[in-house]
Amino acid sequence: MSQFVIVYIGGNPPASEEEGKQHFSRYMEWLSSLGDAAVSPANPLKNTQTVAPDATVSAGGTSMMSGYTIIEADSMDAALEIAKACPFLEIGGTLEVSELGRMPG
């Protein structure tokens, strides 16, 4: 079984606190439904800093990546089916799915 990272990009903020709670509840249900396949679920990113080639540092990121989840799946197709069921898509977010490679050593 391979590991895949699902990267969360963009998405619209909730219109109200109640809407936010409802979405979060659906998202947590989705994560729960993954069971042991969710190796590292729900990893939000915050306080992003960018380091340029000249080593200068600036606040913020150059992408709209807001977090990631690592899953195990039999294939890329299986990982994509898992991603297609993610409620993040319901709020206008985009998901990128990549197989994690293994570095030698």
C-alpha atoms as a PDB file:
ATOM      1  CA  MET A   1       0.000   0.000   0.000  1.00  0.00           C
ATOM      2  CA  SER A   2       1.294   3.463  -0.891  1.00  0.00           C
ATOM      3  CA  GLN A   3       0.961   6.743   0.952  1.00  0.00           C
ATOM      4  CA  PHE A   4      -0.579   9.806  -0.677  1.00  0.00           C
ATOM      5  CA  VAL A   5      -0.784  13.406   0.443  1.00  0.00           C
ATOM      6  CA  ILE A   6      -3.991  15.352  -0.113  1.00  0.00           C
ATOM      7  CA  VAL A   7      -3.214  19.089  -0.163  1.00  0.00           C
ATOM      8  CA  TYR A   8      -5.984  21.599   0.580  1.00  0.00           C
ATOM      9  CA  ILE A   9      -5.895  24.742  -1.580  1.00  0.00           C
ATOM     10  CA  GLY A  10      -8.174  27.765  -1.431  1.00  0.00           C
ATOM     11  CA  GLY A  11     -11.758  27.385  -0.319  1.00  0.00           C
ATOM     12  CA  ASN A  12     -14.301  29.935   0.772  1.00  0.00           C
ATOM     13  CA  PRO A  13     -14.622  30.969   4.408  1.00  0.00           C
ATOM     14  CA  PRO A  14     -17.970  30.181   6.039  1.00  0.00           C
ATOM     15  CA  ALA A  15     -20.640  32.870   5.894  1.00  0.00           C
ATOM     16  CA  SER A  16     -21.495  32.326   9.545  1.00  0.00           C
ATOM     17  CA  GLU A  17     -20.227  30.538  12.635  1.00  0.00           C
ATOM     18  CA  GLU A  18     -23.029  27.982  12.260  1.00  0.00           C
ATOM     19  CA  GLU A  19     -22.069  27.263   8.650  1.00  0.00           C
ATOM     20  CA  GLY A  20     -18.467  26.808   9.771  1.00  0.00           C
ATOM     21  CA  LYS A  21     -19.516  24.325  12.466  1.00  0.00           C
ATOM     22  CA  GLN A  22     -21.630  22.356   9.983  1.00  0.00           C
ATOM     23  CA  HIS A  23     -18.786  22.149   7.479  1.00  0.00           C
ATOM     24  CA  PHE A  24     -16.295  21.143  10.168  1.00  0.00           C
ATOM     25  CA  SER A  25     -18.673  18.406  11.306  1.00  0.00           C
ATOM     26  CA  ARG A  26     -18.941  17.014   7.743  1.00  0.00           C
ATOM     27  CA  TYR A  27     -15.174  17.189   7.365  1.00  0.00           C
ATOM     28  CA  MET A  28     -14.594  15.306  10.630  1.00  0.00           C
ATOM     29  CA  GLU A  29     -17.137  12.658   9.570  1.00  0.00           C
ATOM     30  CA  TRP A  30     -15.233  12.220   6.294  1.00  0.00           C
ATOM     31  CA  LEU A  31     -11.920  11.845   8.135  1.00  0.00           C
ATOM     32  CA  SER A  32     -13.483   9.361  10.533  1.00  0.00           C
ATOM     33  CA  SER A  33     -14.835   7.334   7.607  1.00  0.00           C
ATOM     34  CA  LEU A  34     -11.257   6.837   6.375  1.00  0.00           C
ATOM     35  CA  GLY A  35     -10.391   4.776   9.458  1.00  0.00           C
ATOM     36  CA  ASP A  36      -6.818   3.447   9.419  1.00  0.00           C
ATOM     37  CA  ALA A  37      -6.310   4.805   5.881  1.00  0.00           C
ATOM     38  CA  ALA A  38      -5.895   8.274   7.439  1.00  0.00           C
ATOM     39  CA  VAL A  39      -2.220   8.114   8.417  1.00  0.00           C
ATOM     40  CA  SER A  40      -1.886  11.791   9.330  1.00  0.00           C
ATOM     41  CA  PRO A  41      -5.278  13.516   9.120  1.00  0.00           C
ATOM     42  CA  ALA A  42      -6.107  17.214   9.270  1.00  0.00           C
ATOM     43  CA  ASN A  43      -2.797  19.089   9.345  1.00  0.00           C
ATOM     44  CA  PRO A  44      -3.646  22.795   9.017  1.00  0.00           C
ATOM     45  CA  LEU A  45      -0.839  25.224   8.180  1.00  0.00           C
ATOM     46  CA  LYS A  46      -0.431  28.562   9.927  1.00  0.00           C
ATOM     47  CA  ASN A  47       2.147  31.349  10.297  1.00  0.00           C
ATOM     48  CA  THR A  48       3.634  30.586   6.874  1.00  0.00           C
ATOM     49  CA  GLN A  49       6.930  32.258   5.983  1.00  0.00           C
ATOM     50  CA  THR A  50       8.626  32.196   2.571  1.00  0.00           C
ATOM     51  CA  VAL A  51      12.379  31.873   2.102  1.00  0.00           C
ATOM     52  CA  ALA A  52      13.577  33.211  -1.272  1.00  0.00           C
ATOM     53  CA  PRO A  53      16.617  31.943  -3.220  1.00  0.00           C
ATOM     54  CA  ASP A  54      18.666  34.826  -1.778  1.00  0.00           C
ATOM     55  CA  ALA A  55      17.700  33.658   1.755  1.00  0.00           C
ATOM     56  CA  THR A  56      15.443  36.651   2.461  1.00  0.00           C
ATOM     57  CA  VAL A  57      12.351  35.793   4.455  1.00  0.00           C
ATOM     58  CA  SER A  58       8.893  37.285   3.994  1.00  0.00           C
ATOM     59  CA  ALA A  59       5.611  36.748   5.789  1.00  0.00           C
ATOM     60  CA  GLY A  60       3.004  34.662   4.020  1.00  0.00           C
ATOM     61  CA  GLY A  61       3.140  31.984   1.392  1.00  0.00           C
ATOM     62  CA  THR A  62       3.281  31.942  -2.379  1.00  0.00           C
ATOM     63  CA  SER A  63       0.470  29.400  -2.665  1.00  0.00           C
ATOM     64  CA  MET A  64      -2.999  29.097  -1.192  1.00  0.00           C
ATOM     65  CA  MET A  65      -2.135  25.773   0.479  1.00  0.00           C
ATOM     66  CA  SER A  66      -3.889  25.659   3.844  1.00  0.00           C
ATOM     67  CA  GLY A  67      -3.105  22.132   5.023  1.00  0.00           C
ATOM     68  CA  TYR A  68      -2.775  18.470   4.149  1.00  0.00           C
ATOM     69  CA  THR A  69      -3.809  14.928   5.034  1.00  0.00           C
ATOM     70  CA  ILE A  70      -1.710  11.815   4.462  1.00  0.00           C
ATOM     71  CA  ILE A  71      -3.593   8.642   3.555  1.00  0.00           C
ATOM     72  CA  GLU A  72      -2.782   5.082   2.558  1.00  0.00           C
ATOM     73  CA  ALA A  73      -4.400   3.656  -0.557  1.00  0.00           C
ATOM     74  CA  ASP A  74      -3.809   0.807  -2.995  1.00  0.00           C
ATOM     75  CA  SER A  75      -3.395   3.122  -5.991  1.00  0.00           C
ATOM     76  CA  MET A  76      -3.647   6.692  -7.228  1.00  0.00           C
ATOM     77  CA  ASP A  77      -7.159   5.923  -8.479  1.00  0.00           C
ATOM     78  CA  ALA A  78      -8.181   4.784  -4.982  1.00  0.00           C
ATOM     79  CA  ALA A  79      -6.616   7.907  -3.440  1.00  0.00           C
ATOM     80  CA  LEU A  80      -8.488  10.102  -5.930  1.00  0.00           C
ATOM     81  CA  GLU A  81     -11.798   8.441  -5.015  1.00  0.00           C
ATOM     82  CA  ILE A  82     -11.098   9.219  -1.352  1.00  0.00           C
ATOM     83  CA  ALA A  83     -10.306  12.846  -2.236  1.00  0.00           C
ATOM     84  CA  LYS A  84     -13.465  13.227  -4.347  1.00  0.00           C
ATOM     85  CA  ALA A  85     -15.551  12.528  -1.230  1.00  0.00           C
ATOM     86  CA  CYS A  86     -13.868  15.283   0.831  1.00  0.00           C
ATOM     87  CA  PRO A  87     -16.259  18.052   1.976  1.00  0.00           C
ATOM     88  CA  PHE A  88     -13.519  20.640   1.350  1.00  0.00           C
ATOM     89  CA  LEU A  89     -14.685  20.569  -2.269  1.00  0.00           C
ATOM     90  CA  GLU A  90     -18.134  21.779  -1.132  1.00  0.00           C
ATOM     91  CA  ILE A  91     -16.663  25.125  -0.041  1.00  0.00           C
ATOM     92  CA  GLY A  92     -14.948  25.807  -3.353  1.00  0.00           C
ATOM     93  CA  GLY A  93     -11.600  24.343  -2.328  1.00  0.00           C
ATOM     94  CA  THR A  94      -9.298  22.383  -4.598  1.00  0.00           C
ATOM     95  CA  LEU A  95      -7.433  19.216  -3.659  1.00  0.00           C
ATOM     96  CA  GLU A  96      -4.096  18.097  -5.043  1.00  0.00           C
ATOM     97  CA  VAL A  97      -3.262  14.417  -4.585  1.00  0.00           C
ATOM     98  CA  SER A  98       0.332  13.201  -4.835  1.00  0.00           C
ATOM     99  CA  GLU A  99       1.943   9.864  -4.115  1.00  0.00           C
ATOM    100  CA  LEU A 100       4.650  10.179  -1.499  1.00  0.00           C
ATOM    101  CA  GLY A 101       7.980   8.912  -2.731  1.00  0.00           C
ATOM    102  CA  ARG A 102      10.542   7.155  -0.576  1.00  0.00           C
ATOM    103  CA  MET A 103      14.024   8.627  -0.392  1.00  0.00           C
ATOM    104  CA  PRO A 104      16.883   6.133  -0.272  1.00  0.00           C
ATOM    105  CA  GLY A 105      18.685   5.695   3.040  1.00  0.00           C
END
